[in-house]
Amino acid sequence: MGPFDAPKIAENIPSSSSAEIQKMQASNGMLDEIFALKDKTAKTQKGPEISDLGRIAQMSMPVGWTAGNDVNRGTSYAKEFHPKTQNAAGEAVENKDVQMVFSYRGNRLSDDASKAFRELIDSPSKSTDGKGQPVTVLDLQRTPLNEVLGERGSAAVFTPAFAEIQKINGEPALVVVGKYAKYDVKAKLIYIDADRNNRTAYGAPVQEIAFMAPSDQFYKYSTQANKALNSVEWQH
């Protein structure tokens, strides 16, 4: 056989029977159903649900997160959630260093702080194009706005690096990103006027959502935290 001659094909290769073909098609159909079911399950999987918590009507935490401490003192509350991680033995355990905390401090802002806070969140926002209205960090460390941040309004406790007014699913909020002064912990803090739809002459009650993590884990979990925030439905 020359170098350009085609190799001779064997003439006695058995062809697949119609029964074998049907069996293969049935097997492929079952695989398609299995993959479709897996895809559907992946799309419908949700983490813990939050409902009727202050202004939050409904919200889904990420898959793999679990509820932590739940403290309710009647006038104030704090509800924690943590992601799961693997320990050295390969077991799934709570990563308590990373948390999302939903809280209300139990007291309203002073009149001056309420006025400053509400003027801020009521101001025109550019969040529709992905850019919130900037807020100067210095303003947050001065009276009366530092009252909105509670204990984090003290430079000895927390150092804001960035702040702006954002709309989270239509709800204007003060969003602050910074770092704790005495710990290597970063935080994304969200402050909402809990009385925005029914304001009275009294001071503003501030509902807080905080995502906190050690600096080396903050960005790893921030995408999951943002996904949870994007799922929120507000009380009207």
Protein backbone atom coordinates (compact mmCIF):
# COMPACT_ATOMS: atom_id res chain seq x y z
CA MET A 1 0.00 0.00 0.00
CA GLY A 2 1.38 3.36 -1.04
CA PRO A 3 1.53 6.36 1.27
CA PHE A 4 -1.52 7.93 -0.39
CA ASP A 5 -3.68 4.81 -0.46
CA ALA A 6 -6.64 4.85 1.94
CA PRO A 7 -6.64 2.05 4.52
CA LYS A 8 -9.04 -0.76 3.79
CA ILE A 9 -12.12 -0.71 6.06
CA ALA A 10 -13.13 -3.98 7.67
CA GLU A 11 -16.21 -5.36 6.04
CA ASN A 12 -17.58 -7.43 8.94
CA ILE A 13 -18.23 -4.78 11.59
CA PRO A 14 -21.59 -5.64 13.19
CA SER A 15 -24.21 -2.91 13.06
CA SER A 16 -26.25 -1.92 16.12
CA SER A 17 -29.65 -3.58 16.30
CA SER A 18 -32.80 -1.48 16.57
CA ALA A 19 -33.29 -2.82 20.14
CA GLU A 20 -29.83 -1.60 21.16
CA ILE A 21 -30.48 1.80 19.61
CA GLN A 22 -33.78 2.12 21.50
CA LYS A 23 -32.00 1.14 24.71
CA MET A 24 -29.35 3.84 24.16
CA GLN A 25 -32.01 6.45 23.37
CA ALA A 26 -33.93 5.54 26.52
CA SER A 27 -30.72 5.83 28.55
CA ASN A 28 -29.97 9.25 27.04
CA GLY A 29 -33.52 10.36 27.85
CA MET A 30 -33.08 9.36 31.48
CA LEU A 31 -29.80 11.30 31.64
CA ASP A 32 -31.52 14.36 30.18
CA GLU A 33 -34.19 14.13 32.87
CA ILE A 34 -31.58 13.79 35.62
CA PHE A 35 -29.61 16.81 34.38
CA ALA A 36 -32.82 18.84 34.00
CA LEU A 37 -33.84 17.94 37.56
CA LYS A 38 -30.41 18.92 38.89
CA ASP A 39 -30.58 22.23 37.03
CA LYS A 40 -34.08 22.93 38.34
CA THR A 41 -33.03 22.04 41.90
CA ALA A 42 -29.98 24.33 41.68
CA LYS A 43 -32.19 27.21 40.51
CA THR A 44 -34.78 26.73 43.27
CA GLN A 45 -32.37 26.14 46.18
CA LYS A 46 -32.48 28.83 48.82
CA GLY A 47 -30.90 29.46 52.16
CA PRO A 48 -32.72 30.52 55.35
CA GLU A 49 -35.67 32.87 54.84
CA ILE A 50 -36.25 36.12 56.74
CA SER A 51 -39.79 37.48 56.95
CA ASP A 52 -41.61 40.31 58.73
CA LEU A 53 -38.48 41.76 60.33
CA GLY A 54 -38.91 45.52 60.66
CA ARG A 55 -39.10 46.96 57.13
CA ILE A 56 -38.08 43.61 55.63
CA ALA A 57 -41.09 41.71 54.31
CA GLN A 58 -39.09 38.86 52.80
CA MET A 59 -35.44 38.07 52.15
CA SER A 60 -33.44 34.96 51.24
CA MET A 61 -30.05 34.24 52.72
CA PRO A 62 -27.51 32.41 50.52
CA VAL A 63 -27.51 28.62 50.22
CA GLY A 64 -25.11 27.19 52.80
CA TRP A 65 -25.73 29.91 55.39
CA THR A 66 -27.37 29.13 58.72
CA ALA A 67 -29.09 31.06 61.50
CA GLY A 68 -26.95 32.00 64.50
CA ASN A 69 -27.81 33.94 67.65
CA ASP A 70 -31.27 35.49 67.78
CA VAL A 71 -31.60 38.05 70.57
CA ASN A 72 -34.93 39.80 71.12
CA ARG A 73 -35.24 42.16 74.07
CA GLY A 74 -38.68 43.46 73.14
CA THR A 75 -37.64 46.96 72.08
CA SER A 76 -34.39 45.86 70.41
CA TYR A 77 -33.24 42.80 68.51
CA ALA A 78 -30.23 41.27 66.75
CA LYS A 79 -30.51 38.31 64.38
CA GLU A 80 -27.33 36.64 63.04
CA PHE A 81 -26.55 34.42 60.07
CA HIS A 82 -23.25 32.67 59.26
CA PRO A 83 -21.93 30.72 56.24
CA LYS A 84 -20.91 27.10 56.52
CA THR A 85 -17.28 26.09 55.96
CA GLN A 86 -15.20 22.93 56.35
CA ASN A 87 -12.95 22.27 59.32
CA ALA A 88 -9.66 20.34 59.21
CA ALA A 89 -11.58 17.05 59.41
CA GLY A 90 -13.68 17.98 56.38
CA GLU A 91 -16.83 18.50 58.47
CA ALA A 92 -19.29 21.30 57.73
CA VAL A 93 -19.25 23.86 60.54
CA GLU A 94 -20.45 27.43 61.05
CA ASN A 95 -17.93 30.10 60.16
CA LYS A 96 -18.78 32.44 63.03
CA ASP A 97 -16.08 34.91 62.00
CA VAL A 98 -18.30 35.87 59.04
CA GLN A 99 -21.76 37.17 59.77
CA MET A 100 -24.75 39.14 58.58
CA VAL A 101 -26.58 40.79 61.44
CA PHE A 102 -30.04 42.34 61.26
CA SER A 103 -30.70 44.65 64.19
CA TYR A 104 -32.61 47.52 65.74
CA ARG A 105 -30.95 49.32 68.64
CA GLY A 106 -34.21 50.01 70.47
CA ASN A 107 -34.19 53.80 70.54
CA ARG A 108 -34.90 56.54 68.03
CA LEU A 109 -32.44 59.14 66.82
CA SER A 110 -32.43 62.63 68.28
CA ASP A 111 -34.34 65.31 66.35
CA ASP A 112 -31.14 66.77 64.88
CA ALA A 113 -29.77 63.38 63.82
CA SER A 114 -33.17 62.36 62.37
CA LYS A 115 -33.35 65.55 60.30
CA ALA A 116 -29.79 65.09 58.98
CA PHE A 117 -30.32 61.39 58.24
CA ARG A 118 -33.63 61.89 56.45
CA GLU A 119 -32.34 64.81 54.40
CA LEU A 120 -29.48 62.57 53.33
CA ILE A 121 -31.52 59.53 52.26
CA ASP A 122 -34.23 61.69 50.67
CA SER A 123 -31.71 63.50 48.48
CA PRO A 124 -31.65 62.63 44.75
CA SER A 125 -29.72 59.44 44.14
CA LYS A 126 -27.76 58.30 41.08
CA SER A 127 -28.02 54.65 42.07
CA THR A 128 -30.00 53.82 38.92
CA ASP A 129 -26.77 54.00 36.92
CA GLY A 130 -24.82 52.05 39.52
CA LYS A 131 -23.37 55.07 41.28
CA GLY A 132 -24.84 56.15 44.59
CA GLN A 133 -24.74 59.69 45.90
CA PRO A 134 -21.45 60.10 47.79
CA VAL A 135 -21.39 61.00 51.46
CA THR A 136 -18.23 62.41 52.96
CA VAL A 137 -16.64 60.16 55.57
CA LEU A 138 -15.93 63.20 57.74
CA ASP A 139 -19.67 63.93 57.94
CA LEU A 140 -20.24 60.49 59.45
CA GLN A 141 -17.77 61.20 62.23
CA ARG A 142 -19.34 64.52 63.16
CA THR A 143 -22.44 65.41 65.13
CA PRO A 144 -25.26 64.78 64.39
CA LEU A 145 -24.74 62.14 61.66
CA ASN A 146 -22.36 60.08 63.78
CA GLU A 147 -25.41 59.20 65.90
CA VAL A 148 -26.82 57.22 62.97
CA LEU A 149 -23.85 54.85 63.14
CA GLY A 150 -24.31 54.26 66.87
CA GLU A 151 -21.10 53.06 68.53
CA ARG A 152 -19.48 52.86 65.08
CA GLY A 153 -19.76 56.64 64.90
CA SER A 154 -16.72 56.82 67.16
CA ALA A 155 -13.31 56.84 65.46
CA ALA A 156 -12.02 54.75 68.37
CA VAL A 157 -14.38 51.94 67.31
CA PHE A 158 -14.76 52.13 63.54
CA THR A 159 -13.07 53.87 60.62
CA PRO A 160 -15.33 54.50 57.58
CA ALA A 161 -13.50 54.25 54.27
CA PHE A 162 -16.42 54.82 51.92
CA ALA A 163 -20.04 55.90 52.20
CA GLU A 164 -22.91 56.69 49.84
CA ILE A 165 -26.68 56.71 49.50
CA GLN A 166 -27.83 53.67 47.55
CA LYS A 167 -31.23 52.34 46.60
CA ILE A 168 -31.59 48.69 47.54
CA ASN A 169 -34.54 47.36 45.58
CA GLY A 170 -36.04 50.84 45.64
CA GLU A 171 -35.33 51.60 49.30
CA PRO A 172 -32.85 54.45 49.92
CA ALA A 173 -30.23 53.54 52.49
CA LEU A 174 -27.01 54.90 53.90
CA VAL A 175 -24.30 52.38 53.00
CA VAL A 176 -20.96 52.56 54.80
CA VAL A 177 -17.89 50.38 54.24
CA GLY A 178 -15.00 50.46 56.67
CA LYS A 179 -12.88 48.65 59.23
CA TYR A 180 -12.96 48.19 62.98
CA ALA A 181 -10.22 50.12 64.75
CA LYS A 182 -9.09 47.37 67.13
CA TYR A 183 -9.78 44.28 65.02
CA ASP A 184 -8.85 43.13 61.54
CA VAL A 185 -12.53 43.05 60.58
CA LYS A 186 -14.14 44.84 57.64
CA ALA A 187 -17.81 45.70 57.50
CA LYS A 188 -20.50 46.82 55.08
CA LEU A 189 -23.17 48.64 57.07
CA ILE A 190 -26.65 49.54 55.84
CA TYR A 191 -28.87 52.02 57.65
CA ILE A 192 -32.57 52.31 56.80
CA ASP A 193 -35.28 54.63 58.10
CA ALA A 194 -37.71 52.09 59.58
CA ASP A 195 -40.49 54.74 59.63
CA ARG A 196 -39.96 56.01 56.11
CA ASN A 197 -43.50 55.15 54.99
CA ASN A 198 -45.16 56.42 58.16
CA ARG A 199 -43.02 59.22 59.56
CA THR A 200 -44.04 60.96 62.75
CA ALA A 201 -42.75 63.96 64.67
CA TYR A 202 -40.63 61.62 66.76
CA GLY A 203 -37.02 60.72 65.96
CA ALA A 204 -36.20 58.25 63.21
CA PRO A 205 -35.86 54.56 64.16
CA VAL A 206 -32.89 53.11 62.29
CA GLN A 207 -32.90 49.51 61.11
CA GLU A 208 -29.44 48.11 60.49
CA ILE A 209 -28.02 45.35 58.30
CA ALA A 210 -24.34 44.59 58.82
CA PHE A 211 -22.09 42.24 56.86
CA MET A 212 -18.83 41.67 58.76
CA ALA A 213 -15.83 39.44 58.11
CA PRO A 214 -12.07 39.28 58.76
CA SER A 215 -10.21 41.24 56.09
CA ASP A 216 -8.92 38.08 54.39
CA GLN A 217 -12.47 36.69 54.06
CA PHE A 218 -14.45 39.87 53.39
CA TYR A 219 -14.33 39.82 49.59
CA LYS A 220 -14.75 36.04 49.46
CA TYR A 221 -18.20 36.34 51.03
CA SER A 222 -19.25 39.83 49.94
CA THR A 223 -20.79 38.52 46.69
CA GLN A 224 -23.05 36.21 48.70
CA ALA A 225 -24.00 39.04 51.06
CA ASN A 226 -24.87 41.32 48.13
CA LYS A 227 -26.96 38.56 46.56
CA ALA A 228 -28.94 38.26 49.79
CA LEU A 229 -29.48 42.04 49.86
CA ASN A 230 -30.71 42.00 46.28
CA SER A 231 -33.41 39.49 47.25
CA VAL A 232 -35.04 41.76 49.84
CA GLU A 233 -38.69 42.78 49.54
CA TRP A 234 -39.70 45.75 51.66
CA GLN A 235 -42.83 46.35 53.71
CA HIS A 236 -45.07 49.04 52.22
